């Protein structure tokens, strides 16, 4: 396989993973503009290390269920 093919394959896999997270979080039925706004808001909140730690713990807990 060519390097370009491998990059496209990795990109597709990452997008599938991210879509799975959206579904697992119960957000798949949101309009795309609302989902993007939610993600942008979350990205701003990630500037606070305490928020990152809190969200990591919550995510770990959800992956275990």
PDB file of N, CA and C in Angstrom:
ATOM      1  N   UNK A   1       0.825  -1.191   0.000  1.00  0.00           N
ATOM      2  CA  UNK A   1       0.000   0.000   0.000  1.00  0.00           C
ATOM      3  C   UNK A   1       0.868   1.252   0.000  1.00  0.00           C
ATOM      4  N   UNK A   2       0.360   2.272  -0.624  1.00  0.00           N
ATOM      5  CA  UNK A   2       1.103   3.526  -0.655  1.00  0.00           C
ATOM      6  C   UNK A   2       0.917   4.287   0.650  1.00  0.00           C
ATOM      7  N   UNK A   3       1.814   5.207   0.897  1.00  0.00           N
ATOM      8  CA  UNK A   3       1.716   6.035   2.100  1.00  0.00           C
ATOM      9  C   UNK A   3       0.397   6.807   2.111  1.00  0.00           C
ATOM     10  N   UNK A   4       0.011   7.322   0.971  1.00  0.00           N
ATOM     11  CA  UNK A   4      -1.251   8.078   0.865  1.00  0.00           C
ATOM     12  C   UNK A   4      -2.439   7.201   1.227  1.00  0.00           C
ATOM     13  N   UNK A   5      -2.423   5.973   0.761  1.00  0.00           N
ATOM     14  CA  UNK A   5      -3.509   5.035   1.069  1.00  0.00           C
ATOM     15  C   UNK A   5      -3.571   4.767   2.575  1.00  0.00           C
ATOM     16  N   UNK A   6      -2.428   4.566   3.183  1.00  0.00           N
ATOM     17  CA  UNK A   6      -2.371   4.323   4.627  1.00  0.00           C
ATOM     18  C   UNK A   6      -2.891   5.534   5.401  1.00  0.00           C
ATOM     19  N   UNK A   7      -2.548   6.733   4.955  1.00  0.00           N
ATOM     20  CA  UNK A   7      -3.020   7.956   5.620  1.00  0.00           C
ATOM     21  C   UNK A   7      -4.533   8.081   5.509  1.00  0.00           C
ATOM     22  N   UNK A   8      -5.065   7.790   4.332  1.00  0.00           N
ATOM     23  CA  UNK A   8      -6.522   7.862   4.147  1.00  0.00           C
ATOM     24  C   UNK A   8      -7.233   6.815   4.998  1.00  0.00           C
ATOM     25  N   UNK A   9      -6.636   5.638   5.077  1.00  0.00           N
ATOM     26  CA  UNK A   9      -7.223   4.565   5.890  1.00  0.00           C
ATOM     27  C   UNK A   9      -7.229   4.957   7.376  1.00  0.00           C
ATOM     28  N   UNK A  10      -6.118   5.515   7.856  1.00  0.00           N
ATOM     29  CA  UNK A  10      -6.032   5.960   9.251  1.00  0.00           C
ATOM     30  C   UNK A  10      -7.029   7.072   9.523  1.00  0.00           C
ATOM     31  N   UNK A  11      -7.184   7.985   8.564  1.00  0.00           N
ATOM     32  CA  UNK A  11      -8.136   9.086   8.715  1.00  0.00           C
ATOM     33  C   UNK A  11      -9.566   8.550   8.801  1.00  0.00           C
ATOM     34  N   UNK A  12      -9.900   7.609   7.947  1.00  0.00           N
ATOM     35  CA  UNK A  12     -11.242   7.019   7.960  1.00  0.00           C
ATOM     36  C   UNK A  12     -11.503   6.302   9.287  1.00  0.00           C
ATOM     37  N   UNK A  13     -10.517   5.565   9.770  1.00  0.00           N
ATOM     38  CA  UNK A  13     -10.667   4.855  11.042  1.00  0.00           C
ATOM     39  C   UNK A  13     -10.912   5.838  12.189  1.00  0.00           C
ATOM     40  N   UNK A  14     -10.163   6.937  12.199  1.00  0.00           N
ATOM     41  CA  UNK A  14     -10.331   7.952  13.249  1.00  0.00           C
ATOM     42  C   UNK A  14     -11.730   8.567  13.202  1.00  0.00           C
ATOM     43  N   UNK A  15     -12.226   8.839  12.016  1.00  0.00           N
ATOM     44  CA  UNK A  15     -13.572   9.408  11.879  1.00  0.00           C
ATOM     45  C   UNK A  15     -14.633   8.426  12.359  1.00  0.00           C
ATOM     46  N   UNK A  16     -14.439   7.162  12.079  1.00  0.00           N
ATOM     47  CA  UNK A  16     -15.377   6.146  12.554  1.00  0.00           C
ATOM     48  C   UNK A  16     -15.364   6.093  14.078  1.00  0.00           C
ATOM     49  N   UNK A  17     -14.172   6.148  14.676  1.00  0.00           N
ATOM     50  CA  UNK A  17     -14.067   6.149  16.136  1.00  0.00           C
ATOM     51  C   UNK A  17     -14.786   7.361  16.732  1.00  0.00           C
ATOM     52  N   UNK A  18     -14.561   8.525  16.151  1.00  0.00           N
ATOM     53  CA  UNK A  18     -15.188   9.742  16.669  1.00  0.00           C
ATOM     54  C   UNK A  18     -16.708   9.680  16.529  1.00  0.00           C
ATOM     55  N   UNK A  19     -17.185   9.139  15.430  1.00  0.00           N
ATOM     56  CA  UNK A  19     -18.630   8.960  15.262  1.00  0.00           C
ATOM     57  C   UNK A  19     -19.193   8.028  16.315  1.00  0.00           C
ATOM     58  N   UNK A  20     -18.452   6.987  16.632  1.00  0.00           N
ATOM     59  CA  UNK A  20     -18.884   6.061  17.680  1.00  0.00           C
ATOM     60  C   UNK A  20     -18.992   6.737  19.030  1.00  0.00           C
ATOM     61  N   UNK A  21     -18.086   7.659  19.309  1.00  0.00           N
ATOM     62  CA  UNK A  21     -18.155   8.400  20.572  1.00  0.00           C
ATOM     63  C   UNK A  21     -19.386   9.300  20.622  1.00  0.00           C
ATOM     64  N   UNK A  22     -19.702   9.916  19.497  1.00  0.00           N
ATOM     65  CA  UNK A  22     -20.902  10.767  19.433  1.00  0.00           C
ATOM     66  C   UNK A  22     -22.140   9.916  19.717  1.00  0.00           C
ATOM     67  N   UNK A  23     -22.183   8.736  19.145  1.00  0.00           N
ATOM     68  CA  UNK A  23     -23.319   7.841  19.364  1.00  0.00           C
ATOM     69  C   UNK A  23     -23.362   7.379  20.814  1.00  0.00           C
ATOM     70  N   UNK A  24     -22.219   6.968  21.364  1.00  0.00           N
ATOM     71  CA  UNK A  24     -22.163   6.487  22.752  1.00  0.00           C
ATOM     72  C   UNK A  24     -22.617   7.567  23.728  1.00  0.00           C
ATOM     73  N   UNK A  25     -22.309   8.828  23.404  1.00  0.00           N
ATOM     74  CA  UNK A  25     -22.701   9.937  24.274  1.00  0.00           C
ATOM     75  C   UNK A  25     -24.179  10.310  24.104  1.00  0.00           C
ATOM     76  N   UNK A  26     -24.872   9.670  23.167  1.00  0.00           N
ATOM     77  CA  UNK A  26     -26.287   9.965  22.960  1.00  0.00           C
ATOM     78  C   UNK A  26     -26.536  11.268  22.206  1.00  0.00           C
ATOM     79  N   UNK A  27     -25.562  11.682  21.387  1.00  0.00           N
ATOM     80  CA  UNK A  27     -25.661  12.968  20.703  1.00  0.00           C
ATOM     81  C   UNK A  27     -25.932  12.847  19.207  1.00  0.00           C
ATOM     82  N   UNK A  28     -26.100  11.656  18.715  1.00  0.00           N
ATOM     83  CA  UNK A  28     -26.211  11.437  17.274  1.00  0.00           C
ATOM     84  C   UNK A  28     -27.438  12.092  16.651  1.00  0.00           C
ATOM     85  N   UNK A  29     -28.466  12.333  17.425  1.00  0.00           N
ATOM     86  CA  UNK A  29     -29.695  12.898  16.866  1.00  0.00           C
ATOM     87  C   UNK A  29     -29.742  14.419  16.918  1.00  0.00           C
ATOM     88  N   UNK A  30     -28.686  15.031  17.448  1.00  0.00           N
ATOM     89  CA  UNK A  30     -28.647  16.494  17.483  1.00  0.00           C
ATOM     90  C   UNK A  30     -28.408  17.050  16.086  1.00  0.00           C
ATOM     91  N   UNK A  31     -28.973  18.215  15.795  1.00  0.00           N
ATOM     92  CA  UNK A  31     -28.612  18.868  14.532  1.00  0.00           C
ATOM     93  C   UNK A  31     -27.109  19.158  14.525  1.00  0.00           C
ATOM     94  N   UNK A  32     -26.500  19.097  13.371  1.00  0.00           N
ATOM     95  CA  UNK A  32     -25.051  19.236  13.285  1.00  0.00           C
ATOM     96  C   UNK A  32     -24.556  20.578  13.817  1.00  0.00           C
ATOM     97  N   UNK A  33     -25.332  21.653  13.642  1.00  0.00           N
ATOM     98  CA  UNK A  33     -24.884  22.943  14.169  1.00  0.00           C
ATOM     99  C   UNK A  33     -24.885  22.959  15.691  1.00  0.00           C
ATOM    100  N   UNK A  34     -25.828  22.273  16.314  1.00  0.00           N
ATOM    101  CA  UNK A  34     -25.878  22.186  17.778  1.00  0.00           C
ATOM    102  C   UNK A  34     -24.709  21.340  18.277  1.00  0.00           C
ATOM    103  N   UNK A  35     -24.454  20.231  17.616  1.00  0.00           N
ATOM    104  CA  UNK A  35     -23.344  19.362  18.002  1.00  0.00           C
ATOM    105  C   UNK A  35     -22.012  20.104  17.879  1.00  0.00           C
ATOM    106  N   UNK A  36     -21.819  20.828  16.799  1.00  0.00           N
ATOM    107  CA  UNK A  36     -20.585  21.584  16.632  1.00  0.00           C
ATOM    108  C   UNK A  36     -20.462  22.657  17.716  1.00  0.00           C
ATOM    109  N   UNK A  37     -21.546  23.344  18.017  1.00  0.00           N
ATOM    110  CA  UNK A  37     -21.518  24.345  19.087  1.00  0.00           C
ATOM    111  C   UNK A  37     -21.157  23.730  20.426  1.00  0.00           C
ATOM    112  N   UNK A  38     -21.707  22.564  20.710  1.00  0.00           N
ATOM    113  CA  UNK A  38     -21.402  21.851  21.941  1.00  0.00           C
ATOM    114  C   UNK A  38     -19.919  21.488  22.012  1.00  0.00           C
ATOM    115  N   UNK A  39     -19.376  21.001  20.910  1.00  0.00           N
ATOM    116  CA  UNK A  39     -17.964  20.633  20.871  1.00  0.00           C
ATOM    117  C   UNK A  39     -17.060  21.864  21.019  1.00  0.00           C
ATOM    118  N   UNK A  40     -17.426  22.957  20.383  1.00  0.00           N
ATOM    119  CA  UNK A  40     -16.634  24.178  20.510  1.00  0.00           C
ATOM    120  C   UNK A  40     -16.670  24.706  21.939  1.00  0.00           C
ATOM    121  N   UNK A  41     -17.825  24.634  22.568  1.00  0.00           N
ATOM    122  CA  UNK A  41     -17.944  25.048  23.965  1.00  0.00           C
ATOM    123  C   UNK A  41     -17.067  24.162  24.853  1.00  0.00           C
ATOM    124  N   UNK A  42     -17.104  22.868  24.596  1.00  0.00           N
ATOM    125  CA  UNK A  42     -16.280  21.936  25.355  1.00  0.00           C
ATOM    126  C   UNK A  42     -14.799  22.192  25.149  1.00  0.00           C
ATOM    127  N   UNK A  43     -14.413  22.517  23.922  1.00  0.00           N
ATOM    128  CA  UNK A  43     -13.009  22.801  23.636  1.00  0.00           C
ATOM    129  C   UNK A  43     -12.528  24.001  24.453  1.00  0.00           C
ATOM    130  N   UNK A  44     -13.373  24.990  24.619  1.00  0.00           N
ATOM    131  CA  UNK A  44     -13.007  26.152  25.444  1.00  0.00           C
ATOM    132  C   UNK A  44     -12.846  25.750  26.905  1.00  0.00           C
ATOM    133  N   UNK A  45     -13.726  24.891  27.388  1.00  0.00           N
ATOM    134  CA  UNK A  45     -13.662  24.439  28.780  1.00  0.00           C
ATOM    135  C   UNK A  45     -12.387  23.645  29.064  1.00  0.00           C
ATOM    136  N   UNK A  46     -11.810  23.028  28.033  1.00  0.00           N
ATOM    137  CA  UNK A  46     -10.616  22.198  28.211  1.00  0.00           C
ATOM    138  C   UNK A  46      -9.372  23.011  28.548  1.00  0.00           C
ATOM    139  N   UNK A  47      -9.477  24.306  28.550  1.00  0.00           N
ATOM    140  CA  UNK A  47      -8.340  25.144  28.954  1.00  0.00           C
ATOM    141  C   UNK A  47      -8.070  25.022  30.450  1.00  0.00           C
ATOM    142  N   UNK A  48      -9.055  24.559  31.194  1.00  0.00           N
ATOM    143  CA  UNK A  48      -8.941  24.391  32.646  1.00  0.00           C
ATOM    144  C   UNK A  48      -8.517  22.948  32.941  1.00  0.00           C
ATOM    145  N   UNK A  49      -7.327  22.745  33.496  1.00  0.00           N
ATOM    146  CA  UNK A  49      -6.850  21.373  33.773  1.00  0.00           C
ATOM    147  C   UNK A  49      -7.779  20.590  34.699  1.00  0.00           C
ATOM    148  N   UNK A  50      -8.468  21.272  35.610  1.00  0.00           N
ATOM    149  CA  UNK A  50      -9.401  20.576  36.493  1.00  0.00           C
ATOM    150  C   UNK A  50     -10.571  20.006  35.707  1.00  0.00           C
ATOM    151  N   UNK A  51     -11.027  20.732  34.705  1.00  0.00           N
ATOM    152  CA  UNK A  51     -12.119  20.251  33.857  1.00  0.00           C
ATOM    153  C   UNK A  51     -11.648  19.034  33.066  1.00  0.00           C
ATOM    154  N   UNK A  52     -10.423  19.078  32.550  1.00  0.00           N
ATOM    155  CA  UNK A  52      -9.874  17.945  31.800  1.00  0.00           C
ATOM    156  C   UNK A  52      -9.851  16.706  32.684  1.00  0.00           C
ATOM    157  N   UNK A  53      -9.383  16.858  33.901  1.00  0.00           N
ATOM    158  CA  UNK A  53      -9.320  15.721  34.830  1.00  0.00           C
ATOM    159  C   UNK A  53     -10.710  15.175  35.132  1.00  0.00           C
ATOM    160  N   UNK A  54     -11.659  16.061  35.392  1.00  0.00           N
ATOM    161  CA  UNK A  54     -13.033  15.656  35.694  1.00  0.00           C
ATOM    162  C   UNK A  54     -13.648  14.912  34.508  1.00  0.00           C
ATOM    163  N   UNK A  55     -13.458  15.430  33.305  1.00  0.00           N
ATOM    164  CA  UNK A  55     -14.026  14.790  32.126  1.00  0.00           C
ATOM    165  C   UNK A  55     -13.353  13.452  31.828  1.00  0.00           C
ATOM    166  N   UNK A  56     -12.059  13.355  32.071  1.00  0.00           N
ATOM    167  CA  UNK A  56     -11.345  12.088  31.872  1.00  0.00           C
ATOM    168  C   UNK A  56     -11.884  11.012  32.808  1.00  0.00           C
ATOM    169  N   UNK A  57     -12.119  11.382  34.059  1.00  0.00           N
ATOM    170  CA  UNK A  57     -12.680  10.405  35.009  1.00  0.00           C
ATOM    171  C   UNK A  57     -14.071   9.957  34.567  1.00  0.00           C
ATOM    172  N   UNK A  58     -14.878  10.907  34.134  1.00  0.00           N
ATOM    173  CA  UNK A  58     -16.235  10.557  33.700  1.00  0.00           C
ATOM    174  C   UNK A  58     -16.193   9.661  32.468  1.00  0.00           C
ATOM    175  N   UNK A  59     -15.307   9.989  31.525  1.00  0.00           N
ATOM    176  CA  UNK A  59     -15.181   9.160  30.325  1.00  0.00           C
ATOM    177  C   UNK A  59     -14.699   7.755  30.646  1.00  0.00           C
ATOM    178  N   UNK A  60     -13.714   7.654  31.540  1.00  0.00           N
ATOM    179  CA  UNK A  60     -13.235   6.327  31.954  1.00  0.00           C
ATOM    180  C   UNK A  60     -14.360   5.505  32.545  1.00  0.00           C
ATOM    181  N   UNK A  61     -15.168   6.145  33.369  1.00  0.00           N
ATOM    182  CA  UNK A  61     -16.298   5.449  34.010  1.00  0.00           C
ATOM    183  C   UNK A  61     -17.290   4.940  32.958  1.00  0.00           C
ATOM    184  N   UNK A  62     -17.580   5.752  31.958  1.00  0.00           N
ATOM    185  CA  UNK A  62     -18.534   5.355  30.915  1.00  0.00           C
ATOM    186  C   UNK A  62     -17.989   4.233  30.047  1.00  0.00           C
ATOM    187  N   UNK A  63     -16.691   4.224  29.772  1.00  0.00           N
ATOM    188  CA  UNK A  63     -16.113   3.151  28.970  1.00  0.00           C
ATOM    189  C   UNK A  63     -16.188   1.821  29.699  1.00  0.00           C
ATOM    190  N   UNK A  64     -16.205   1.858  31.030  1.00  0.00           N
ATOM    191  CA  UNK A  64     -16.256   0.615  31.811  1.00  0.00           C
ATOM    192  C   UNK A  64     -17.659   0.041  31.892  1.00  0.00           C
ATOM    193  N   UNK A  65     -18.664   0.826  31.529  1.00  0.00           N
ATOM    194  CA  UNK A  65     -20.051   0.339  31.611  1.00  0.00           C
ATOM    195  C   UNK A  65     -20.520  -0.237  30.297  1.00  0.00           C
TER     196      UNK A  65
END
